[in-house]
PDB file of N, CA and C in Angstrom:
ATOM      1  N   MET A   1       0.831  -1.204  -0.022  1.00  0.00           N
ATOM      2  CA  MET A   1       0.000  -0.016  -0.018  1.00  0.00           C
ATOM      3  C   MET A   1       0.832   1.260   0.023  1.00  0.00           C
ATOM      4  N   SER A   2       0.651   2.107  -0.970  1.00  0.00           N
ATOM      5  CA  SER A   2       1.421   3.383  -0.930  1.00  0.00           C
ATOM      6  C   SER A   2       0.638   4.480  -0.359  1.00  0.00           C
ATOM      7  N   LEU A   3       1.352   5.489   0.131  1.00  0.00           N
ATOM      8  CA  LEU A   3       0.763   6.677   0.703  1.00  0.00           C
ATOM      9  C   LEU A   3       0.504   7.678  -0.456  1.00  0.00           C
ATOM     10  N   SER A   4      -0.697   8.190  -0.455  1.00  0.00           N
ATOM     11  CA  SER A   4      -0.988   9.220  -1.546  1.00  0.00           C
ATOM     12  C   SER A   4      -1.912  10.248  -0.912  1.00  0.00           C
ATOM     13  N   CYS A   5      -1.920  11.411  -1.541  1.00  0.00           N
ATOM     14  CA  CYS A   5      -2.661  12.534  -1.199  1.00  0.00           C
ATOM     15  C   CYS A   5      -4.142  12.265  -1.569  1.00  0.00           C
ATOM     16  N   PRO A   6      -5.045  12.456  -0.591  1.00  0.00           N
ATOM     17  CA  PRO A   6      -6.453  12.064  -0.813  1.00  0.00           C
ATOM     18  C   PRO A   6      -7.047  13.133  -1.861  1.00  0.00           C
ATOM     19  N   LYS A   7      -6.468  14.233  -2.104  1.00  0.00           N
ATOM     20  CA  LYS A   7      -7.030  15.267  -3.024  1.00  0.00           C
ATOM     21  C   LYS A   7      -6.471  15.020  -4.486  1.00  0.00           C
ATOM     22  N   CYS A   8      -5.158  15.004  -4.647  1.00  0.00           N
ATOM     23  CA  CYS A   8      -4.534  14.889  -6.006  1.00  0.00           C
ATOM     24  C   CYS A   8      -4.125  13.500  -6.383  1.00  0.00           C
ATOM     25  N   GLY A   9      -3.992  12.650  -5.339  1.00  0.00           N
ATOM     26  CA  GLY A   9      -3.494  11.290  -5.609  1.00  0.00           C
ATOM     27  C   GLY A   9      -2.056  11.119  -5.774  1.00  0.00           C
ATOM     28  N   ALA A  10      -1.290  12.127  -5.523  1.00  0.00           N
ATOM     29  CA  ALA A  10       0.257  12.061  -5.611  1.00  0.00           C
ATOM     30  C   ALA A  10       0.805  11.191  -4.673  1.00  0.00           C
ATOM     31  N   ASN A  11       1.752  10.408  -4.929  1.00  0.00           N
ATOM     32  CA  ASN A  11       2.463   9.543  -4.014  1.00  0.00           C
ATOM     33  C   ASN A  11       3.311  10.365  -3.038  1.00  0.00           C
ATOM     34  N   ILE A  12       3.315   9.938  -1.778  1.00  0.00           N
ATOM     35  CA  ILE A  12       4.058  10.658  -0.785  1.00  0.00           C
ATOM     36  C   ILE A  12       5.071   9.696  -0.143  1.00  0.00           C
ATOM     37  N   LYS A  13       6.259  10.048  -0.055  1.00  0.00           N
ATOM     38  CA  LYS A  13       7.282   9.156   0.519  1.00  0.00           C
ATOM     39  C   LYS A  13       7.094   9.006   2.131  1.00  0.00           C
ATOM     40  N   ALA A  14       7.479   7.830   2.598  1.00  0.00           N
ATOM     41  CA  ALA A  14       7.225   7.656   4.007  1.00  0.00           C
ATOM     42  C   ALA A  14       7.953   8.619   4.902  1.00  0.00           C
ATOM     43  N   PHE A  15       9.139   9.065   4.528  1.00  0.00           N
ATOM     44  CA  PHE A  15       9.934   9.952   5.344  1.00  0.00           C
ATOM     45  C   PHE A  15       9.423  11.441   5.249  1.00  0.00           C
ATOM     46  N   LYS A  16       8.423  11.711   4.353  1.00  0.00           N
ATOM     47  CA  LYS A  16       7.833  13.077   4.236  1.00  0.00           C
ATOM     48  C   LYS A  16       6.587  13.089   5.083  1.00  0.00           C
ATOM     49  N   VAL A  17       6.106  12.011   5.537  1.00  0.00           N
ATOM     50  CA  VAL A  17       4.804  11.889   6.333  1.00  0.00           C
ATOM     51  C   VAL A  17       5.132  12.419   7.762  1.00  0.00           C
ATOM     52  N   ALA A  18       4.252  13.297   8.265  1.00  0.00           N
ATOM     53  CA  ALA A  18       4.459  13.729   9.590  1.00  0.00           C
ATOM     54  C   ALA A  18       3.004  13.877  10.166  1.00  0.00           C
ATOM     55  N   SER A  19       2.868  14.222  11.449  1.00  0.00           N
ATOM     56  CA  SER A  19       1.482  14.408  11.977  1.00  0.00           C
ATOM     57  C   SER A  19       0.641  15.431  11.295  1.00  0.00           C
ATOM     58  N   LEU A  20       1.323  16.590  11.009  1.00  0.00           N
ATOM     59  CA  LEU A  20       0.745  17.641  10.215  1.00  0.00           C
ATOM     60  C   LEU A  20       1.775  18.019   9.086  1.00  0.00           C
ATOM     61  N   PHE A  21       1.260  18.008   7.884  1.00  0.00           N
ATOM     62  CA  PHE A  21       2.272  18.346   6.747  1.00  0.00           C
ATOM     63  C   PHE A  21       1.365  18.702   5.617  1.00  0.00           C
ATOM     64  N   SER A  22       2.067  19.179   4.534  1.00  0.00           N
ATOM     65  CA  SER A  22       1.396  19.562   3.283  1.00  0.00           C
ATOM     66  C   SER A  22       1.821  18.649   2.150  1.00  0.00           C
ATOM     67  N   CYS A  23       0.892  18.409   1.175  1.00  0.00           N
ATOM     68  CA  CYS A  23       1.219  17.643   0.040  1.00  0.00           C
ATOM     69  C   CYS A  23       2.242  18.278  -0.778  1.00  0.00           C
ATOM     70  N   PRO A  24       3.340  17.638  -1.195  1.00  0.00           N
ATOM     71  CA  PRO A  24       4.424  18.315  -1.981  1.00  0.00           C
ATOM     72  C   PRO A  24       3.886  18.726  -3.381  1.00  0.00           C
ATOM     73  N   THR A  25       2.826  18.146  -3.882  1.00  0.00           N
ATOM     74  CA  THR A  25       2.387  18.440  -5.245  1.00  0.00           C
ATOM     75  C   THR A  25       1.345  19.545  -5.274  1.00  0.00           C
ATOM     76  N   CYS A  26       0.268  19.404  -4.454  1.00  0.00           N
ATOM     77  CA  CYS A  26      -0.812  20.406  -4.468  1.00  0.00           C
ATOM     78  C   CYS A  26      -0.895  21.304  -3.232  1.00  0.00           C
ATOM     79  N   SER A  27      -0.011  21.121  -2.328  1.00  0.00           N
ATOM     80  CA  SER A  27       0.051  21.939  -1.126  1.00  0.00           C
ATOM     81  C   SER A  27      -1.150  21.973  -0.231  1.00  0.00           C
ATOM     82  N   THR A  28      -1.932  20.878  -0.362  1.00  0.00           N
ATOM     83  CA  THR A  28      -3.103  20.643   0.474  1.00  0.00           C
ATOM     84  C   THR A  28      -2.639  20.327   1.886  1.00  0.00           C
ATOM     85  N   LYS A  29      -3.193  20.889   2.927  1.00  0.00           N
ATOM     86  CA  LYS A  29      -2.849  20.610   4.271  1.00  0.00           C
ATOM     87  C   LYS A  29      -3.468  19.218   4.603  1.00  0.00           C
ATOM     88  N   LEU A  30      -2.510  18.332   5.166  1.00  0.00           N
ATOM     89  CA  LEU A  30      -2.861  16.966   5.472  1.00  0.00           C
ATOM     90  C   LEU A  30      -2.452  16.659   6.892  1.00  0.00           C
ATOM     91  N   LYS A  31      -3.003  15.539   7.421  1.00  0.00           N
ATOM     92  CA  LYS A  31      -2.688  15.029   8.759  1.00  0.00           C
ATOM     93  C   LYS A  31      -2.540  13.545   8.584  1.00  0.00           C
ATOM     94  N   SER A  32      -1.767  12.938   9.537  1.00  0.00           N
ATOM     95  CA  SER A  32      -1.538  11.537   9.534  1.00  0.00           C
ATOM     96  C   SER A  32      -1.324  11.131  10.989  1.00  0.00           C
ATOM     97  N   HIS A  33      -1.649   9.857  11.238  1.00  0.00           N
ATOM     98  CA  HIS A  33      -1.420   9.275  12.617  1.00  0.00           C
ATOM     99  C   HIS A  33      -0.287   8.290  12.416  1.00  0.00           C
ATOM    100  N   ILE A  34       0.968   8.785  12.743  1.00  0.00           N
ATOM    101  CA  ILE A  34       2.112   7.876  12.563  1.00  0.00           C
ATOM    102  C   ILE A  34       2.800   7.499  13.888  1.00  0.00           C
ATOM    103  N   PHE A  35       2.228   7.928  15.049  1.00  0.00           N
ATOM    104  CA  PHE A  35       2.856   7.603  16.291  1.00  0.00           C
ATOM    105  C   PHE A  35       3.014   6.160  16.597  1.00  0.00           C
ATOM    106  N   VAL A  36       1.861   5.413  16.345  1.00  0.00           N
ATOM    107  CA  VAL A  36       1.848   3.993  16.648  1.00  0.00           C
ATOM    108  C   VAL A  36       2.846   3.197  15.710  1.00  0.00           C
ATOM    109  N   PRO A  37       2.795   3.426  14.369  1.00  0.00           N
ATOM    110  CA  PRO A  37       3.763   2.708  13.524  1.00  0.00           C
ATOM    111  C   PRO A  37       5.167   3.126  13.851  1.00  0.00           C
ATOM    112  N   ALA A  38       5.483   4.290  14.144  1.00  0.00           N
ATOM    113  CA  ALA A  38       6.866   4.732  14.393  1.00  0.00           C
ATOM    114  C   ALA A  38       7.265   4.067  15.732  1.00  0.00           C
ATOM    115  N   THR A  39       6.441   4.086  16.816  1.00  0.00           N
ATOM    116  CA  THR A  39       6.721   3.554  18.104  1.00  0.00           C
ATOM    117  C   THR A  39       6.963   2.013  17.929  1.00  0.00           C
ATOM    118  N   GLY A  40       6.137   1.352  17.184  1.00  0.00           N
ATOM    119  CA  GLY A  40       6.316  -0.064  16.952  1.00  0.00           C
ATOM    120  C   GLY A  40       7.635  -0.391  16.333  1.00  0.00           C
ATOM    121  N   ALA A  41       7.988   0.381  15.304  1.00  0.00           N
ATOM    122  CA  ALA A  41       9.322   0.204  14.633  1.00  0.00           C
ATOM    123  C   ALA A  41      10.449   0.330  15.607  1.00  0.00           C
ATOM    124  N   ALA A  42      10.359   1.404  16.479  1.00  0.00           N
ATOM    125  CA  ALA A  42      11.404   1.707  17.415  1.00  0.00           C
ATOM    126  C   ALA A  42      11.513   0.513  18.515  1.00  0.00           C
ATOM    127  N   VAL A  43      10.391   0.051  18.967  1.00  0.00           N
ATOM    128  CA  VAL A  43      10.419  -1.010  19.957  1.00  0.00           C
ATOM    129  C   VAL A  43      11.095  -2.295  19.412  1.00  0.00           C
ATOM    130  N   ILE A  44      10.610  -2.688  18.200  1.00  0.00           N
ATOM    131  CA  ILE A  44      11.156  -3.894  17.553  1.00  0.00           C
ATOM    132  C   ILE A  44      12.688  -3.715  17.306  1.00  0.00           C
ATOM    133  N   ALA A  45      13.024  -2.549  16.797  1.00  0.00           N
ATOM    134  CA  ALA A  45      14.499  -2.340  16.556  1.00  0.00           C
ATOM    135  C   ALA A  45      15.282  -2.286  17.809  1.00  0.00           C
ATOM    136  N   GLY A  46      14.779  -1.854  18.926  1.00  0.00           N
ATOM    137  CA  GLY A  46      15.424  -1.835  20.210  1.00  0.00           C
ATOM    138  C   GLY A  46      15.614  -3.303  20.723  1.00  0.00           C
ATOM    139  N   LEU A  47      14.595  -4.064  20.595  1.00  0.00           N
ATOM    140  CA  LEU A  47      14.708  -5.527  20.996  1.00  0.00           C
ATOM    141  C   LEU A  47      15.664  -6.225  20.111  1.00  0.00           C
ATOM    142  N   PHE A  48      15.683  -5.958  18.789  1.00  0.00           N
ATOM    143  CA  PHE A  48      16.662  -6.529  17.968  1.00  0.00           C
ATOM    144  C   PHE A  48      18.079  -6.097  18.278  1.00  0.00           C
ATOM    145  N   GLU A  49      18.285  -4.853  18.666  1.00  0.00           N
ATOM    146  CA  GLU A  49      19.596  -4.415  19.133  1.00  0.00           C
ATOM    147  C   GLU A  49      20.077  -5.200  20.347  1.00  0.00           C
ATOM    148  N   LEU A  50      19.201  -5.432  21.339  1.00  0.00           N
ATOM    149  CA  LEU A  50      19.599  -6.246  22.450  1.00  0.00           C
ATOM    150  C   LEU A  50      20.035  -7.692  22.050  1.00  0.00           C
ATOM    151  N   LEU A  51      19.373  -8.259  21.193  1.00  0.00           N
ATOM    152  CA  LEU A  51      19.596  -9.529  20.681  1.00  0.00           C
ATOM    153  C   LEU A  51      21.005  -9.598  19.948  1.00  0.00           C
ATOM    154  N   ILE A  52      21.236  -8.667  19.069  1.00  0.00           N
ATOM    155  CA  ILE A  52      22.428  -8.534  18.256  1.00  0.00           C
ATOM    156  C   ILE A  52      23.592  -8.312  19.245  1.00  0.00           C
ATOM    157  N   TYR A  53      23.403  -7.370  20.167  1.00  0.00           N
ATOM    158  CA  TYR A  53      24.464  -6.947  21.068  1.00  0.00           C
ATOM    159  C   TYR A  53      24.871  -8.222  21.908  1.00  0.00           C
ATOM    160  N   SER A  54      23.910  -9.006  22.463  1.00  0.00           N
ATOM    161  CA  SER A  54      24.253 -10.114  23.253  1.00  0.00           C
ATOM    162  C   SER A  54      24.895 -11.191  22.480  1.00  0.00           C
ATOM    163  N   ILE A  55      24.523 -11.440  21.195  1.00  0.00           N
ATOM    164  CA  ILE A  55      25.225 -12.408  20.393  1.00  0.00           C
ATOM    165  C   ILE A  55      26.642 -12.096  20.071  1.00  0.00           C
ATOM    166  N   ILE A  56      26.811 -10.773  19.652  1.00  0.00           N
ATOM    167  CA  ILE A  56      28.188 -10.349  19.206  1.00  0.00           C
ATOM    168  C   ILE A  56      29.050 -10.307  20.439  1.00  0.00           C
ATOM    169  N   TYR A  57      28.563  -9.718  21.557  1.00  0.00           N
ATOM    170  CA  TYR A  57      29.386  -9.636  22.701  1.00  0.00           C
ATOM    171  C   TYR A  57      29.824 -10.981  23.353  1.00  0.00           C
ATOM    172  N   SER A  58      28.943 -11.976  23.271  1.00  0.00           N
ATOM    173  CA  SER A  58      29.167 -13.262  23.835  1.00  0.00           C
ATOM    174  C   SER A  58      30.181 -14.042  22.912  1.00  0.00           C
ATOM    175  N   SER A  59      30.054 -13.783  21.627  1.00  0.00           N
ATOM    176  CA  SER A  59      31.042 -14.470  20.750  1.00  0.00           C
ATOM    177  C   SER A  59      32.335 -13.870  20.592  1.00  0.00           C
ATOM    178  N   LEU A  60      32.432 -12.492  20.506  1.00  0.00           N
ATOM    179  CA  LEU A  60      33.673 -11.793  20.354  1.00  0.00           C
ATOM    180  C   LEU A  60      34.285 -11.258  21.598  1.00  0.00           C
ATOM    181  N   ASN A  61      33.427 -10.944  22.641  1.00  0.00           N
ATOM    182  CA  ASN A  61      33.887 -10.364  23.937  1.00  0.00           C
ATOM    183  C   ASN A  61      34.524  -8.988  23.748  1.00  0.00           C
ATOM    184  N   ILE A  62      34.131  -8.211  22.757  1.00  0.00           N
ATOM    185  CA  ILE A  62      34.640  -6.900  22.468  1.00  0.00           C
ATOM    186  C   ILE A  62      33.435  -5.964  22.608  1.00  0.00           C
ATOM    187  N   GLN A  63      33.376  -5.215  23.738  1.00  0.00           N
ATOM    188  CA  GLN A  63      32.141  -4.423  23.979  1.00  0.00           C
ATOM    189  C   GLN A  63      31.927  -3.265  22.929  1.00  0.00           C
ATOM    190  N   TRP A  64      32.979  -2.513  22.531  1.00  0.00           N
ATOM    191  CA  TRP A  64      32.804  -1.359  21.584  1.00  0.00           C
ATOM    192  C   TRP A  64      32.358  -1.873  20.238  1.00  0.00           C
ATOM    193  N   LEU A  65      32.838  -3.068  19.763  1.00  0.00           N
ATOM    194  CA  LEU A  65      32.449  -3.611  18.458  1.00  0.00           C
ATOM    195  C   LEU A  65      31.041  -4.087  18.599  1.00  0.00           C
ATOM    196  N   ALA A  66      30.656  -4.748  19.656  1.00  0.00           N
ATOM    197  CA  ALA A  66      29.248  -5.180  19.827  1.00  0.00           C
ATOM    198  C   ALA A  66      28.333  -4.012  19.829  1.00  0.00           C
ATOM    199  N   THR A  67      28.643  -2.971  20.533  1.00  0.00           N
ATOM    200  CA  THR A  67      27.845  -1.821  20.560  1.00  0.00           C
ATOM    201  C   THR A  67      27.740  -1.135  19.195  1.00  0.00           C
ATOM    202  N   ALA A  68      28.804  -0.877  18.476  1.00  0.00           N
ATOM    203  CA  ALA A  68      28.819  -0.305  17.162  1.00  0.00           C
ATOM    204  C   ALA A  68      28.015  -1.115  16.200  1.00  0.00           C
ATOM    205  N   LEU A  69      28.212  -2.485  16.153  1.00  0.00           N
ATOM    206  CA  LEU A  69      27.537  -3.232  15.205  1.00  0.00           C
ATOM    207  C   LEU A  69      26.003  -3.367  15.520  1.00  0.00           C
ATOM    208  N   GLY A  70      25.752  -3.445  16.848  1.00  0.00           N
ATOM    209  CA  GLY A  70      24.310  -3.465  17.342  1.00  0.00           C
ATOM    210  C   GLY A  70      23.581  -2.223  16.900  1.00  0.00           C
ATOM    211  N   LEU A  71      24.196  -1.049  17.062  1.00  0.00           N
ATOM    212  CA  LEU A  71      23.645   0.197  16.704  1.00  0.00           C
ATOM    213  C   LEU A  71      23.436   0.347  15.154  1.00  0.00           C
ATOM    214  N   LEU A  72      24.410  -0.039  14.411  1.00  0.00           N
ATOM    215  CA  LEU A  72      24.357  -0.035  13.059  1.00  0.00           C
ATOM    216  C   LEU A  72      23.253  -0.948  12.396  1.00  0.00           C
ATOM    217  N   ILE A  73      23.254  -2.148  12.883  1.00  0.00           N
ATOM    218  CA  ILE A  73      22.224  -3.144  12.421  1.00  0.00           C
ATOM    219  C   ILE A  73      20.784  -2.747  12.845  1.00  0.00           C
ATOM    220  N   SER A  74      20.626  -2.340  14.123  1.00  0.00           N
ATOM    221  CA  SER A  74      19.333  -1.929  14.620  1.00  0.00           C
ATOM    222  C   SER A  74      18.813  -0.694  14.011  1.00  0.00           C
ATOM    223  N   GLY A  75      19.768   0.269  13.681  1.00  0.00           N
ATOM    224  CA  GLY A  75      19.368   1.427  13.006  1.00  0.00           C
ATOM    225  C   GLY A  75      18.797   1.218  11.545  1.00  0.00           C
ATOM    226  N   SER A  76      19.484   0.218  10.943  1.00  0.00           N
ATOM    227  CA  SER A  76      19.029  -0.164   9.577  1.00  0.00           C
ATOM    228  C   SER A  76      17.671  -0.927   9.690  1.00  0.00           C
ATOM    229  N   VAL A  77      17.530  -1.712  10.751  1.00  0.00           N
ATOM    230  CA  VAL A  77      16.283  -2.446  10.908  1.00  0.00           C
ATOM    231  C   VAL A  77      15.187  -1.366  11.236  1.00  0.00           C
ATOM    232  N   PHE A  78      15.449  -0.448  12.043  1.00  0.00           N
ATOM    233  CA  PHE A  78      14.449   0.648  12.360  1.00  0.00           C
ATOM    234  C   PHE A  78      13.965   1.324  11.096  1.00  0.00           C
ATOM    235  N   LEU A  79      14.973   1.742  10.241  1.00  0.00           N
ATOM    236  CA  LEU A  79      14.571   2.528   9.056  1.00  0.00           C
ATOM    237  C   LEU A  79      13.703   1.668   8.064  1.00  0.00           C
ATOM    238  N   ALA A  80      14.016   0.397   7.962  1.00  0.00           N
ATOM    239  CA  ALA A  80      13.219  -0.469   7.118  1.00  0.00           C
ATOM    240  C   ALA A  80      11.859  -0.720   7.644  1.00  0.00           C
ATOM    241  N   LEU A  81      11.807  -0.974   9.019  1.00  0.00           N
ATOM    242  CA  LEU A  81      10.460  -1.159   9.575  1.00  0.00           C
ATOM    243  C   LEU A  81       9.642   0.125   9.594  1.00  0.00           C
ATOM    244  N   TYR A  82      10.290   1.252   9.783  1.00  0.00           N
ATOM    245  CA  TYR A  82       9.490   2.516   9.799  1.00  0.00           C
ATOM    246  C   TYR A  82       8.840   2.709   8.449  1.00  0.00           C
ATOM    247  N   VAL A  83       9.597   2.524   7.351  1.00  0.00           N
ATOM    248  CA  VAL A  83       9.044   2.699   6.032  1.00  0.00           C
ATOM    249  C   VAL A  83       7.930   1.639   5.805  1.00  0.00           C
ATOM    250  N   ILE A  84       8.003   0.455   6.184  1.00  0.00           N
ATOM    251  CA  ILE A  84       7.035  -0.638   6.010  1.00  0.00           C
ATOM    252  C   ILE A  84       5.810  -0.283   6.848  1.00  0.00           C
ATOM    253  N   PHE A  85       6.063  -0.007   8.128  1.00  0.00           N
ATOM    254  CA  PHE A  85       4.853   0.317   9.049  1.00  0.00           C
ATOM    255  C   PHE A  85       4.135   1.529   8.748  1.00  0.00           C
ATOM    256  N   VAL A  86       4.782   2.582   8.346  1.00  0.00           N
ATOM    257  CA  VAL A  86       4.188   3.846   7.996  1.00  0.00           C
ATOM    258  C   VAL A  86       3.345   3.614   6.695  1.00  0.00           C
ATOM    259  N   LYS A  87       3.891   2.985   5.706  1.00  0.00           N
ATOM    260  CA  LYS A  87       3.157   2.737   4.509  1.00  0.00           C
ATOM    261  C   LYS A  87       1.893   1.808   4.771  1.00  0.00           C
ATOM    262  N   LYS A  88       2.120   0.893   5.635  1.00  0.00           N
ATOM    263  CA  LYS A  88       1.001  -0.117   5.775  1.00  0.00           C
ATOM    264  C   LYS A  88      -0.050   0.360   6.845  1.00  0.00           C
ATOM    265  N   PHE A  89       0.394   1.028   7.888  1.00  0.00           N
ATOM    266  CA  PHE A  89      -0.603   1.289   9.005  1.00  0.00           C
ATOM    267  C   PHE A  89      -0.990   2.723   9.128  1.00  0.00           C
ATOM    268  N   SER A  90      -0.417   3.690   8.449  1.00  0.00           N
ATOM    269  CA  SER A  90      -0.886   5.013   8.593  1.00  0.00           C
ATOM    270  C   SER A  90      -1.824   5.464   7.538  1.00  0.00           C
ATOM    271  N   LYS A  91      -2.620   6.423   7.859  1.00  0.00           N
ATOM    272  CA  LYS A  91      -3.664   6.803   6.921  1.00  0.00           C
ATOM    273  C   LYS A  91      -3.545   8.362   6.792  1.00  0.00           C
ATOM    274  N   ILE A  92      -3.592   8.881   5.593  1.00  0.00           N
ATOM    275  CA  ILE A  92      -3.483  10.306   5.346  1.00  0.00           C
ATOM    276  C   ILE A  92      -4.810  10.854   5.153  1.00  0.00           C
ATOM    277  N   GLU A  93      -5.156  11.921   5.800  1.00  0.00           N
ATOM    278  CA  GLU A  93      -6.479  12.551   5.732  1.00  0.00           C
ATOM    279  C   GLU A  93      -6.286  14.050   5.450  1.00  0.00           C
ATOM    280  N   LEU A  94      -7.271  14.677   4.974  1.00  0.00           N
ATOM    281  CA  LEU A  94      -7.313  16.145   4.788  1.00  0.00           C
ATOM    282  C   LEU A  94      -7.442  16.771   6.235  1.00  0.00           C
ATOM    283  N   ARG A  95      -6.659  17.859   6.411  1.00  0.00           N
ATOM    284  CA  ARG A  95      -6.692  18.565   7.737  1.00  0.00           C
ATOM    285  C   ARG A  95      -7.837  19.554   7.627  1.00  0.00           C
ATOM    286  N   VAL A  96      -8.753  19.429   8.571  1.00  0.00           N
ATOM    287  CA  VAL A  96      -9.898  20.397   8.624  1.00  0.00           C
ATOM    288  C   VAL A  96      -9.635  21.552   9.609  1.00  0.00           C
ATOM    289  N   ASN A  97      -9.830  22.724   9.204  1.00  0.00           N
ATOM    290  CA  ASN A  97      -9.717  23.917  10.053  1.00  0.00           C
ATOM    291  C   ASN A  97     -10.919  24.124  10.725  1.00  0.00           C
ATOM    292  N   HIS A  98     -11.020  24.043  12.075  1.00  0.00           N
ATOM    293  CA  HIS A  98     -12.155  24.198  12.886  1.00  0.00           C
ATOM    294  C   HIS A  98     -12.281  25.587  13.474  1.00  0.00           C
ATOM    295  N   ALA A  99     -11.657  26.544  12.875  1.00  0.00           N
ATOM    296  CA  ALA A  99     -11.650  27.914  13.388  1.00  0.00           C
ATOM    297  C   ALA A  99     -13.098  28.470  13.137  1.00  0.00           C
ATOM    298  N   ALA A 100     -13.528  29.254  14.176  1.00  0.00           N
ATOM    299  CA  ALA A 100     -14.843  29.829  14.102  1.00  0.00           C
ATOM    300  C   ALA A 100     -14.948  30.916  12.965  1.00  0.00           C
ATOM    301  N   LYS A 101     -15.898  30.914  12.207  1.00  0.00           N
ATOM    302  CA  LYS A 101     -16.117  31.876  11.199  1.00  0.00           C
ATOM    303  C   LYS A 101     -16.874  33.045  11.724  1.00  0.00           C
ATOM    304  N   PRO A 102     -16.448  34.314  11.357  1.00  0.00           N
ATOM    305  CA  PRO A 102     -17.199  35.499  11.895  1.00  0.00           C
ATOM    306  C   PRO A 102     -18.471  35.653  11.230  1.00  0.00           C
TER     307      PRO A 102
END
């Protein structure tokens, strides 16, 4: 599932999606709910980092290498999961201005 503007249908990249943002093509004000997908990606990547760190540290017994590799691998896992989760679980909607009209 790709992310697209509800007004013009233009594709929007996952890293351009925020809670409140504008469509890069038609400048329509949009909103999205990305907190849950982003948090899910961060939690899974954090657990993956603990797993990688413990495996590397137990086999090599070099703390700085285990930390560096754990951060590098879990960072890559986070970015991949973020893109997948935001594309799959977030929904883009038109932002409605509820300001009172005079």
